[in-house]
């Protein structure tokens, strides 16, 4: 009879520990996903700033803004991870700063 009581107590401890463990794992995964999303958004902002700086540098050197992002990649060392980011580059004319938008791919 004593063994059964001890076994029941052990079972109650395991039964209480399991939901606590699941909650801890869920919080950990949630934190990692939040960190990853923030890092991706920060990367998009950094990439946009790099493209903008390279465009201004191109204007200072060549007297015109670059016609495309591909031109910046070939001539000014910009590297874009196209699997992570969508880059929209729209230039009105060669003497106007282009609109640059970088979005994180979902």
C-alpha atoms as a PDB file:
ATOM      1  CA  UNK A   1       0.000   0.000   0.000  1.00  0.00           C
ATOM      2  CA  UNK A   2       2.856   2.362   0.820  1.00  0.00           C
ATOM      3  CA  UNK A   3       4.383   1.830  -2.651  1.00  0.00           C
ATOM      4  CA  UNK A   4       1.119   2.866  -4.275  1.00  0.00           C
ATOM      5  CA  UNK A   5       0.967   6.076  -2.250  1.00  0.00           C
ATOM      6  CA  UNK A   6       4.540   6.929  -3.196  1.00  0.00           C
ATOM      7  CA  UNK A   7       3.859   6.108  -6.846  1.00  0.00           C
ATOM      8  CA  UNK A   8       0.775   8.346  -6.803  1.00  0.00           C
ATOM      9  CA  UNK A   9       2.787  11.227  -5.278  1.00  0.00           C
ATOM     10  CA  UNK A  10       5.485  10.787  -7.929  1.00  0.00           C
ATOM     11  CA  UNK A  11       2.836  10.773 -10.638  1.00  0.00           C
ATOM     12  CA  UNK A  12       1.341  14.049  -9.296  1.00  0.00           C
ATOM     13  CA  UNK A  13       4.777  15.668  -9.353  1.00  0.00           C
ATOM     14  CA  UNK A  14       5.304  14.611 -12.975  1.00  0.00           C
ATOM     15  CA  UNK A  15       1.790  15.738 -13.858  1.00  0.00           C
ATOM     16  CA  UNK A  16       2.510  19.220 -12.462  1.00  0.00           C
ATOM     17  CA  UNK A  17       5.998  19.411 -13.989  1.00  0.00           C
ATOM     18  CA  UNK A  18       4.857  18.652 -17.531  1.00  0.00           C
ATOM     19  CA  UNK A  19       2.706  21.802 -18.056  1.00  0.00           C
ATOM     20  CA  UNK A  20       5.413  23.959 -16.478  1.00  0.00           C
ATOM     21  CA  UNK A  21       7.989  22.500 -18.872  1.00  0.00           C
ATOM     22  CA  UNK A  22       5.689  23.054 -21.864  1.00  0.00           C
ATOM     23  CA  UNK A  23       5.155  26.702 -20.823  1.00  0.00           C
ATOM     24  CA  UNK A  24       8.895  27.287 -20.482  1.00  0.00           C
ATOM     25  CA  UNK A  25       9.551  25.789 -23.933  1.00  0.00           C
ATOM     26  CA  UNK A  26       6.726  27.875 -25.442  1.00  0.00           C
ATOM     27  CA  UNK A  27       8.161  31.073 -23.937  1.00  0.00           C
ATOM     28  CA  UNK A  28      11.629  30.193 -25.208  1.00  0.00           C
ATOM     29  CA  UNK A  29      10.385  29.555 -28.766  1.00  0.00           C
ATOM     30  CA  UNK A  30       8.314  32.748 -28.677  1.00  0.00           C
ATOM     31  CA  UNK A  31      11.368  34.745 -27.604  1.00  0.00           C
ATOM     32  CA  UNK A  32      13.510  33.292 -30.373  1.00  0.00           C
ATOM     33  CA  UNK A  33      10.863  34.069 -33.005  1.00  0.00           C
ATOM     34  CA  UNK A  34      10.494  37.636 -31.738  1.00  0.00           C
ATOM     35  CA  UNK A  35      14.260  38.141 -31.792  1.00  0.00           C
ATOM     36  CA  UNK A  36      14.466  36.746 -35.325  1.00  0.00           C
ATOM     37  CA  UNK A  37      11.724  39.058 -36.571  1.00  0.00           C
ATOM     38  CA  UNK A  38      13.383  42.108 -34.985  1.00  0.00           C
ATOM     39  CA  UNK A  39      16.753  41.143 -36.456  1.00  0.00           C
ATOM     40  CA  UNK A  40      15.215  40.792 -39.919  1.00  0.00           C
ATOM     41  CA  UNK A  41      13.553  44.203 -39.704  1.00  0.00           C
ATOM     42  CA  UNK A  42      16.818  45.727 -38.518  1.00  0.00           C
ATOM     43  CA  UNK A  43      18.631  44.066 -41.437  1.00  0.00           C
ATOM     44  CA  UNK A  44      16.130  45.549 -43.909  1.00  0.00           C
ATOM     45  CA  UNK A  45      16.724  48.998 -42.450  1.00  0.00           C
ATOM     46  CA  UNK A  46      20.497  48.555 -42.649  1.00  0.00           C
ATOM     47  CA  UNK A  47      20.268  47.365 -46.263  1.00  0.00           C
ATOM     48  CA  UNK A  48      18.111  50.360 -47.219  1.00  0.00           C
ATOM     49  CA  UNK A  49      20.632  52.724 -45.641  1.00  0.00           C
ATOM     50  CA  UNK A  50      23.514  51.006 -47.473  1.00  0.00           C
ATOM     51  CA  UNK A  51      21.712  51.302 -50.814  1.00  0.00           C
ATOM     52  CA  UNK A  52      20.979  54.963 -50.122  1.00  0.00           C
ATOM     53  CA  UNK A  53      24.630  55.681 -49.226  1.00  0.00           C
ATOM     54  CA  UNK A  54      25.862  53.876 -52.348  1.00  0.00           C
ATOM     55  CA  UNK A  55      23.395  55.858 -54.473  1.00  0.00           C
ATOM     56  CA  UNK A  56      24.674  59.136 -53.048  1.00  0.00           C
ATOM     57  CA  UNK A  57      28.251  57.981 -53.573  1.00  0.00           C
ATOM     58  CA  UNK A  58      27.436  57.132 -57.191  1.00  0.00           C
ATOM     59  CA  UNK A  59      25.915  60.591 -57.646  1.00  0.00           C
ATOM     60  CA  UNK A  60      29.012  62.240 -56.166  1.00  0.00           C
ATOM     61  CA  UNK A  61      31.389  60.250 -58.379  1.00  0.00           C
ATOM     62  CA  UNK A  62      29.460  59.953 -61.649  1.00  0.00           C
ATOM     63  CA  UNK A  63      27.146  62.971 -61.487  1.00  0.00           C
ATOM     64  CA  UNK A  64      23.981  60.862 -61.685  1.00  0.00           C
ATOM     65  CA  UNK A  65      22.082  58.428 -59.523  1.00  0.00           C
ATOM     66  CA  UNK A  66      22.406  54.762 -60.491  1.00  0.00           C
ATOM     67  CA  UNK A  67      19.802  53.413 -62.900  1.00  0.00           C
ATOM     68  CA  UNK A  68      19.157  50.266 -60.852  1.00  0.00           C
ATOM     69  CA  UNK A  69      20.114  48.289 -57.779  1.00  0.00           C
ATOM     70  CA  UNK A  70      21.919  45.821 -60.013  1.00  0.00           C
ATOM     71  CA  UNK A  71      24.222  48.662 -61.075  1.00  0.00           C
ATOM     72  CA  UNK A  72      25.043  49.271 -57.408  1.00  0.00           C
ATOM     73  CA  UNK A  73      25.705  45.567 -56.902  1.00  0.00           C
ATOM     74  CA  UNK A  74      28.091  45.437 -59.868  1.00  0.00           C
ATOM     75  CA  UNK A  75      29.955  48.701 -59.289  1.00  0.00           C
ATOM     76  CA  UNK A  76      29.615  49.684 -55.630  1.00  0.00           C
ATOM     77  CA  UNK A  77      29.770  46.420 -53.702  1.00  0.00           C
ATOM     78  CA  UNK A  78      26.175  46.267 -52.479  1.00  0.00           C
ATOM     79  CA  UNK A  79      25.172  42.723 -51.560  1.00  0.00           C
ATOM     80  CA  UNK A  80      21.487  41.819 -51.343  1.00  0.00           C
ATOM     81  CA  UNK A  81      20.177  38.548 -49.966  1.00  0.00           C
ATOM     82  CA  UNK A  82      17.236  38.208 -52.330  1.00  0.00           C
ATOM     83  CA  UNK A  83      15.932  35.211 -50.380  1.00  0.00           C
ATOM     84  CA  UNK A  84      15.383  37.441 -47.314  1.00  0.00           C
ATOM     85  CA  UNK A  85      14.604  40.881 -48.757  1.00  0.00           C
ATOM     86  CA  UNK A  86      12.544  42.446 -51.527  1.00  0.00           C
ATOM     87  CA  UNK A  87      14.156  45.625 -52.828  1.00  0.00           C
ATOM     88  CA  UNK A  88      12.152  48.229 -54.734  1.00  0.00           C
ATOM     89  CA  UNK A  89      14.249  50.916 -56.416  1.00  0.00           C
ATOM     90  CA  UNK A  90      12.464  53.572 -58.424  1.00  0.00           C
ATOM     91  CA  UNK A  91      14.337  56.465 -59.968  1.00  0.00           C
ATOM     92  CA  UNK A  92      12.398  59.310 -61.594  1.00  0.00           C
ATOM     93  CA  UNK A  93      15.401  60.833 -63.312  1.00  0.00           C
ATOM     94  CA  UNK A  94      19.155  60.526 -63.055  1.00  0.00           C
ATOM     95  CA  UNK A  95      19.420  63.772 -61.059  1.00  0.00           C
ATOM     96  CA  UNK A  96      16.710  62.950 -58.449  1.00  0.00           C
ATOM     97  CA  UNK A  97      17.246  60.695 -55.443  1.00  0.00           C
ATOM     98  CA  UNK A  98      15.452  57.399 -56.160  1.00  0.00           C
ATOM     99  CA  UNK A  99      12.799  55.933 -53.890  1.00  0.00           C
ATOM    100  CA  UNK A 100      14.271  52.944 -52.081  1.00  0.00           C
ATOM    101  CA  UNK A 101      12.117  50.437 -50.228  1.00  0.00           C
ATOM    102  CA  UNK A 102      13.410  47.252 -48.612  1.00  0.00           C
ATOM    103  CA  UNK A 103      10.936  44.738 -47.194  1.00  0.00           C
ATOM    104  CA  UNK A 104      11.586  41.559 -45.282  1.00  0.00           C
ATOM    105  CA  UNK A 105      10.185  38.526 -47.078  1.00  0.00           C
ATOM    106  CA  UNK A 106       7.664  36.607 -45.031  1.00  0.00           C
END
